[in-house]
Amino acid sequence: MPNRHLLGAALGAIPLMVIALVAPARAPVASTPKEQLPASAGVTAEELRIHVEALGDAMMLGRDTPGPGGDLAARYVANAFAAAGLRPADEDGTVPEAYFQSFAVGELEVKNVVGVLWGDDPSAGAIVVGAHYDGVGSRHGSFMPAADDNASGTAMIIAAAAALARSAAVAGPLEHSLVFVAFGSEEDGLLGARHYCDHPLVPLSTTRAMVNLDTVGRPRTETLQIVGWSRYRELSSLLQRAAEAEGVNAVAGSRSLWRRSDQAVFADAGVPSVWLLGHLRDDIHSRDDTPDRLDYEWMVRVTQALTKSIHTGFRADGGQE
């Protein structure tokens, strides 16, 4: 059952249960060594399920952007970013609007949601972790829950942000900054990613890598596909090693998929980028893409692999073949 009081948080303050899930830990008086607090600390299947069910609820109307359901979803993600301890890219406030990067689609407005975990060395650059939060809305009177495509990836970047913020609160910040972006209007032609790359809130010239999570919740044969492997081998190999350490088999994804998600836009802008994918099933973009079909334990392992890669020194110098 979707958690109704979590949905209420999309329009106001995050409730106490969500704050407990995503809020950063308080740093102790004596700093704890980083190895005593894994970057993946606290990532749970229940946390991921709560976010997916909230984003896939009927109140979100299939999260079409532009549209009221997409606006509600953007507000939900902004509140979750704030509760996790992320900061707006260019403002001090933590109201939801501070996390929005708005752009026009026709005469209507769509929002990217951007939160930053700042590093302590500006020269170390930044890593972008992204997922599109929008879905395909409603058709013939039925809304499309869009659980795997892409509440799954959105939930995972929220969980990753919260885990990394908890680690930073205890052990101190990483050298590099982490930019978490939930994109709008991916389903309309990667429009949110295009707007971000045209108007980056952290310079692309200092962005070392972009990792995109899209349709990550229902793998085939427990396998993680890394789309972009042939283009960015070192970046892909780093993620593969981290995945295998978490018991996840990682393989090169099909080259034919490259243009179908947001990482392609960042690569076009000169940023090494890959897409973490479970499997593109026939029931995405249908009312059968429901939260109960996702493999949340597997999603936990992929999220842990991502956070540990970032925390232990993400390398983004893989060249394009």
Protein backbone atom coordinates (compact mmCIF):
# COMPACT_ATOMS: atom_id res chain seq x y z
CA MET A 1 0.00 0.00 0.00
CA PRO A 2 1.36 3.46 -0.82
CA ASN A 3 2.22 5.49 2.25
CA ARG A 4 -0.31 8.36 2.28
CA HIS A 5 1.38 10.50 4.91
CA LEU A 6 4.57 10.35 2.85
CA LEU A 7 2.63 11.74 -0.08
CA GLY A 8 1.47 14.61 2.11
CA ALA A 9 5.14 15.44 2.59
CA ALA A 10 5.37 16.32 -1.08
CA LEU A 11 3.36 19.45 -0.35
CA GLY A 12 4.94 20.40 2.96
CA ALA A 13 7.44 19.30 5.55
CA ILE A 14 8.82 15.77 5.36
CA PRO A 15 7.26 13.73 8.20
CA LEU A 16 9.33 12.30 11.02
CA MET A 17 9.48 8.81 9.51
CA VAL A 18 11.07 10.07 6.31
CA ILE A 19 13.45 12.32 8.19
CA ALA A 20 14.61 9.26 10.12
CA LEU A 21 15.23 7.47 6.83
CA VAL A 22 17.15 10.16 4.98
CA ALA A 23 18.45 12.78 7.41
CA PRO A 24 22.23 12.95 7.90
CA ALA A 25 23.70 11.72 11.15
CA ARG A 26 25.04 14.23 13.68
CA ALA A 27 28.81 14.30 13.76
CA PRO A 28 30.31 13.14 17.10
CA VAL A 29 32.70 15.30 19.04
CA ALA A 30 35.59 13.05 18.07
CA SER A 31 35.65 12.46 14.32
CA THR A 32 35.11 8.85 13.29
CA PRO A 33 37.49 7.44 10.65
CA LYS A 34 35.80 7.01 7.28
CA GLU A 35 36.34 3.28 7.21
CA GLN A 36 34.23 2.95 10.38
CA LEU A 37 31.18 4.42 8.62
CA PRO A 38 30.54 2.86 5.21
CA ALA A 39 29.20 5.29 2.63
CA SER A 40 26.29 2.89 2.12
CA ALA A 41 25.31 2.93 5.80
CA GLY A 42 21.57 2.93 6.24
CA VAL A 43 20.46 2.08 2.67
CA THR A 44 17.50 -0.25 3.10
CA ALA A 45 14.93 -1.94 0.93
CA GLU A 46 12.18 -0.33 2.98
CA GLU A 47 13.53 3.15 2.30
CA LEU A 48 13.59 2.48 -1.43
CA ARG A 49 10.12 0.95 -1.37
CA ILE A 50 8.64 3.97 0.46
CA HIS A 51 9.97 6.38 -2.16
CA VAL A 52 8.89 4.21 -5.11
CA GLU A 53 5.39 3.73 -3.71
CA ALA A 54 5.02 7.43 -3.04
CA LEU A 55 6.17 8.40 -6.53
CA GLY A 56 4.04 5.68 -8.10
CA ASP A 57 0.86 6.57 -6.24
CA ALA A 58 -2.28 7.60 -8.11
CA MET A 59 -2.00 11.11 -6.60
CA MET A 60 1.08 11.62 -8.80
CA LEU A 61 -1.03 11.05 -11.95
CA GLY A 62 1.79 9.20 -13.66
CA ARG A 63 4.24 12.10 -13.05
CA ASP A 64 3.84 13.58 -16.51
CA THR A 65 5.89 16.74 -17.11
CA PRO A 66 4.71 19.32 -17.63
CA GLY A 67 1.68 18.67 -15.47
CA PRO A 68 0.38 18.76 -11.88
CA GLY A 69 1.52 15.20 -11.13
CA GLY A 70 5.04 15.99 -12.27
CA ASP A 71 5.03 19.16 -10.16
CA LEU A 72 3.96 17.13 -7.12
CA ALA A 73 6.73 14.62 -7.75
CA ALA A 74 9.32 17.39 -8.10
CA ARG A 75 8.25 18.80 -4.75
CA TYR A 76 8.48 15.36 -3.16
CA VAL A 77 12.04 14.89 -4.44
CA ALA A 78 13.06 18.39 -3.31
CA ASN A 79 11.80 17.70 0.21
CA ALA A 80 13.64 14.38 0.24
CA PHE A 81 16.87 16.07 -0.90
CA ALA A 82 16.52 18.67 1.85
CA ALA A 83 15.86 16.03 4.51
CA ALA A 84 18.87 14.05 3.28
CA GLY A 85 21.13 17.04 3.93
CA LEU A 86 21.74 18.20 0.36
CA ARG A 87 21.99 21.93 -0.32
CA PRO A 88 20.56 23.93 -3.21
CA ALA A 89 23.20 24.65 -5.83
CA ASP A 90 23.00 28.44 -5.67
CA GLU A 91 20.80 29.42 -2.72
CA ASP A 92 20.98 29.21 1.05
CA GLY A 93 17.36 28.31 1.68
CA THR A 94 16.05 24.77 1.94
CA VAL A 95 12.43 25.31 0.89
CA PRO A 96 11.52 23.08 -2.07
CA GLU A 97 11.66 25.95 -4.57
CA ALA A 98 15.35 26.48 -3.81
CA TYR A 99 16.12 23.07 -5.36
CA PHE A 100 14.22 23.71 -8.58
CA GLN A 101 15.84 24.48 -11.91
CA SER A 102 12.86 25.47 -14.03
CA PHE A 103 12.59 25.52 -17.80
CA ALA A 104 9.85 25.93 -20.36
CA VAL A 105 8.25 23.20 -22.44
CA GLY A 106 5.99 25.08 -24.77
CA GLU A 107 4.05 27.51 -22.60
CA LEU A 108 4.35 25.35 -19.48
CA GLU A 109 7.05 24.99 -16.85
CA VAL A 110 9.01 21.87 -15.94
CA LYS A 111 11.40 21.46 -13.03
CA ASN A 112 14.71 19.71 -12.62
CA VAL A 113 15.46 19.09 -8.94
CA VAL A 114 19.10 19.69 -7.97
CA GLY A 115 20.78 19.12 -4.61
CA VAL A 116 24.50 19.28 -3.81
CA LEU A 117 26.77 17.69 -1.24
CA TRP A 118 29.71 20.07 -1.41
CA GLY A 119 33.26 18.75 -1.27
CA ASP A 120 36.10 20.46 0.53
CA ASP A 121 38.47 20.85 -2.46
CA PRO A 122 37.13 22.95 -5.34
CA SER A 123 39.94 21.71 -7.57
CA ALA A 124 38.66 18.12 -7.21
CA GLY A 125 35.61 18.88 -9.35
CA ALA A 126 32.21 17.25 -9.13
CA ILE A 127 30.33 14.08 -9.99
CA VAL A 128 26.73 14.22 -11.20
CA VAL A 129 24.37 11.43 -10.16
CA GLY A 130 21.09 11.64 -12.03
CA ALA A 131 17.74 10.00 -12.67
CA HIS A 132 14.59 11.23 -14.37
CA TYR A 133 11.59 11.45 -12.08
CA ASP A 134 8.96 11.99 -14.76
CA GLY A 135 6.68 9.32 -16.19
CA VAL A 136 4.25 9.14 -19.09
CA GLY A 137 1.16 10.30 -17.21
CA SER A 138 -2.28 8.83 -17.91
CA ARG A 139 -3.76 7.09 -20.89
CA HIS A 140 -7.37 6.13 -21.59
CA GLY A 141 -8.34 7.07 -18.04
CA SER A 142 -5.62 4.96 -16.37
CA PHE A 143 -2.46 6.42 -14.84
CA MET A 144 0.91 4.80 -15.46
CA PRO A 145 2.67 4.18 -12.11
CA ALA A 146 6.11 4.33 -13.78
CA ALA A 147 7.66 2.40 -10.90
CA ASP A 148 10.66 0.97 -12.72
CA ASP A 149 10.77 3.76 -15.32
CA ASN A 150 11.83 5.65 -13.33
CA ALA A 151 10.72 5.84 -9.71
CA SER A 152 13.38 3.15 -9.19
CA GLY A 153 16.29 5.36 -10.21
CA THR A 154 14.84 8.39 -8.44
CA ALA A 155 14.49 6.47 -5.17
CA MET A 156 18.04 5.19 -5.51
CA ILE A 157 19.61 8.63 -5.96
CA ILE A 158 17.67 9.88 -2.92
CA ALA A 159 18.95 6.92 -0.87
CA ALA A 160 22.50 7.37 -2.17
CA ALA A 161 22.43 11.07 -1.32
CA ALA A 162 21.22 10.35 2.20
CA ALA A 163 23.85 7.67 2.80
CA LEU A 164 26.69 9.84 1.54
CA ALA A 165 25.46 12.81 3.58
CA ARG A 166 25.41 10.66 6.72
CA SER A 167 28.97 9.56 6.04
CA ALA A 168 30.11 13.15 5.43
CA ALA A 169 28.45 14.34 8.64
CA VAL A 170 30.47 11.85 10.67
CA ALA A 171 33.76 11.52 8.80
CA GLY A 172 33.94 14.84 6.99
CA PRO A 173 33.23 15.79 3.37
CA LEU A 174 34.76 14.18 0.34
CA GLU A 175 37.24 16.18 -1.70
CA HIS A 176 34.93 16.30 -4.72
CA SER A 177 31.39 17.63 -4.75
CA LEU A 178 28.37 15.47 -5.55
CA VAL A 179 25.53 16.91 -7.60
CA PHE A 180 22.27 14.95 -7.49
CA VAL A 181 19.82 15.79 -10.27
CA ALA A 182 16.28 14.48 -10.77
CA PHE A 183 15.42 15.41 -14.35
CA GLY A 184 12.03 16.40 -15.69
CA SER A 185 10.74 15.69 -19.21
CA GLU A 186 13.11 12.86 -20.03
CA GLU A 187 10.20 11.11 -21.69
CA ASP A 188 9.75 14.12 -24.00
CA GLY A 189 13.24 13.89 -25.48
CA LEU A 190 15.74 14.17 -22.59
CA LEU A 191 14.70 17.80 -22.14
CA GLY A 192 15.66 18.12 -18.48
CA ALA A 193 19.19 16.86 -19.09
CA ARG A 194 19.51 19.13 -22.11
CA HIS A 195 18.49 22.14 -20.05
CA TYR A 196 20.90 21.26 -17.25
CA CYS A 197 23.81 20.86 -19.67
CA ASP A 198 22.94 24.16 -21.35
CA HIS A 199 22.69 25.86 -17.93
CA PRO A 200 24.81 23.78 -15.52
CA LEU A 201 24.58 24.73 -11.86
CA VAL A 202 28.07 23.31 -11.34
CA PRO A 203 30.40 23.91 -14.32
CA LEU A 204 30.62 21.02 -16.76
CA SER A 205 34.29 21.87 -17.23
CA THR A 206 34.91 20.63 -13.67
CA THR A 207 32.38 17.77 -13.78
CA ARG A 208 34.42 14.59 -13.77
CA ALA A 209 31.64 12.09 -14.50
CA MET A 210 27.90 11.56 -14.73
CA VAL A 211 26.16 8.36 -13.64
CA ASN A 212 22.56 7.95 -14.75
CA LEU A 213 20.13 5.54 -13.07
CA ASP A 214 17.16 4.67 -15.24
CA THR A 215 14.89 1.60 -15.07
CA VAL A 216 17.05 -0.09 -12.46
CA GLY A 217 14.45 -1.97 -10.43
CA ARG A 218 13.74 -5.18 -12.32
CA PRO A 219 16.93 -6.87 -13.54
CA ARG A 220 17.04 -9.90 -15.76
CA THR A 221 19.06 -12.75 -14.21
CA GLU A 222 20.31 -10.41 -11.45
CA THR A 223 22.45 -8.53 -13.99
CA LEU A 224 23.28 -4.82 -14.04
CA GLN A 225 23.83 -3.37 -17.50
CA ILE A 226 26.30 -0.51 -17.87
CA VAL A 227 25.35 1.35 -21.03
CA GLY A 228 28.32 3.32 -22.33
CA TRP A 229 30.95 0.73 -21.42
CA SER A 230 32.68 0.86 -24.81
CA ARG A 231 32.86 4.65 -24.62
CA TYR A 232 34.10 5.01 -21.04
CA ARG A 233 35.89 1.84 -20.08
CA GLU A 234 37.67 2.95 -16.91
CA LEU A 235 34.54 4.54 -15.48
CA SER A 236 32.54 1.41 -16.32
CA SER A 237 35.17 -0.92 -14.90
CA LEU A 238 35.18 1.00 -11.63
CA LEU A 239 31.43 0.57 -11.32
CA GLN A 240 31.67 -3.08 -12.33
CA ARG A 241 34.18 -3.82 -9.57
CA ALA A 242 32.03 -2.07 -6.99
CA ALA A 243 28.93 -3.93 -8.18
CA GLU A 244 30.63 -7.31 -8.05
CA ALA A 245 31.82 -6.56 -4.50
CA GLU A 246 28.12 -6.23 -3.63
CA GLY A 247 27.24 -9.51 -5.34
CA VAL A 248 25.87 -7.88 -8.50
CA ASN A 249 26.96 -9.16 -11.91
CA ALA A 250 27.67 -6.15 -14.15
CA VAL A 251 27.98 -6.36 -17.94
CA ALA A 252 28.20 -4.02 -20.90
CA GLY A 253 24.80 -2.79 -21.99
CA SER A 254 23.72 -2.69 -25.62
CA ARG A 255 25.21 0.16 -27.65
CA SER A 256 21.84 0.56 -29.38
CA LEU A 257 20.37 1.93 -26.12
CA TRP A 258 22.85 4.80 -25.80
CA ARG A 259 20.60 7.63 -27.01
CA ARG A 260 17.59 6.56 -24.95
CA SER A 261 18.48 8.20 -21.64
CA ASP A 262 20.02 11.26 -20.04
CA GLN A 263 23.68 10.23 -19.90
CA ALA A 264 23.96 10.71 -23.67
CA VAL A 265 23.34 14.44 -23.28
CA PHE A 266 26.17 14.80 -20.75
CA ALA A 267 28.52 12.78 -22.95
CA ASP A 268 27.71 15.09 -25.86
CA ALA A 269 28.75 17.97 -23.59
CA GLY A 270 32.12 16.33 -22.93
CA VAL A 271 31.41 14.62 -19.58
CA PRO A 272 32.26 10.90 -19.25
CA SER A 273 28.88 9.33 -18.59
CA VAL A 274 27.25 5.92 -18.20
CA TRP A 275 23.77 4.54 -17.62
CA LEU A 276 23.06 1.92 -14.96
CA LEU A 277 20.15 -0.20 -16.25
CA GLY A 278 18.33 -3.27 -15.01
CA HIS A 279 16.27 -4.41 -17.97
CA LEU A 280 13.90 -2.72 -20.40
CA ARG A 281 10.76 -4.83 -20.08
CA ASP A 282 7.71 -4.76 -22.30
CA ASP A 283 5.44 -3.37 -19.56
CA ILE A 284 7.20 -0.06 -18.98
CA HIS A 285 4.99 2.86 -20.06
CA SER A 286 1.97 0.78 -19.05
CA ARG A 287 -0.23 0.50 -15.98
CA ASP A 288 1.55 -2.77 -15.16
CA ASP A 289 4.82 -1.03 -14.20
CA THR A 290 3.90 -1.13 -10.51
CA PRO A 291 5.96 -0.83 -7.31
CA ASP A 292 5.24 -4.41 -6.19
CA ARG A 293 7.20 -5.78 -9.16
CA LEU A 294 10.54 -4.23 -8.23
CA ASP A 295 13.41 -6.12 -6.62
CA TYR A 296 14.23 -3.83 -3.70
CA GLU A 297 16.99 -5.99 -2.21
CA TRP A 298 18.80 -5.92 -5.54
CA MET A 299 18.30 -2.16 -5.73
CA VAL A 300 19.96 -1.84 -2.32
CA ARG A 301 23.04 -3.66 -3.59
CA VAL A 302 23.30 -1.44 -6.67
CA THR A 303 22.87 1.69 -4.54
CA GLN A 304 25.59 0.47 -2.18
CA ALA A 305 27.93 -0.16 -5.11
CA LEU A 306 27.32 3.35 -6.38
CA THR A 307 27.86 5.05 -3.03
CA LYS A 308 31.00 3.09 -2.25
CA SER A 309 32.46 3.93 -5.67
CA ILE A 310 31.85 7.61 -5.10
CA HIS A 311 33.11 7.53 -1.53
CA THR A 312 36.37 5.70 -2.13
CA GLY A 313 37.60 7.82 -5.00
CA PHE A 314 35.55 7.91 -8.14
CA ARG A 315 37.73 7.99 -11.24
CA ALA A 316 36.36 9.64 -14.35
CA ASP A 317 39.27 9.63 -16.73
CA GLY A 318 38.13 6.82 -19.00
CA GLY A 319 38.58 7.83 -22.62
CA GLN A 320 36.19 7.46 -25.49
CA GLU A 321 37.09 4.78 -27.96
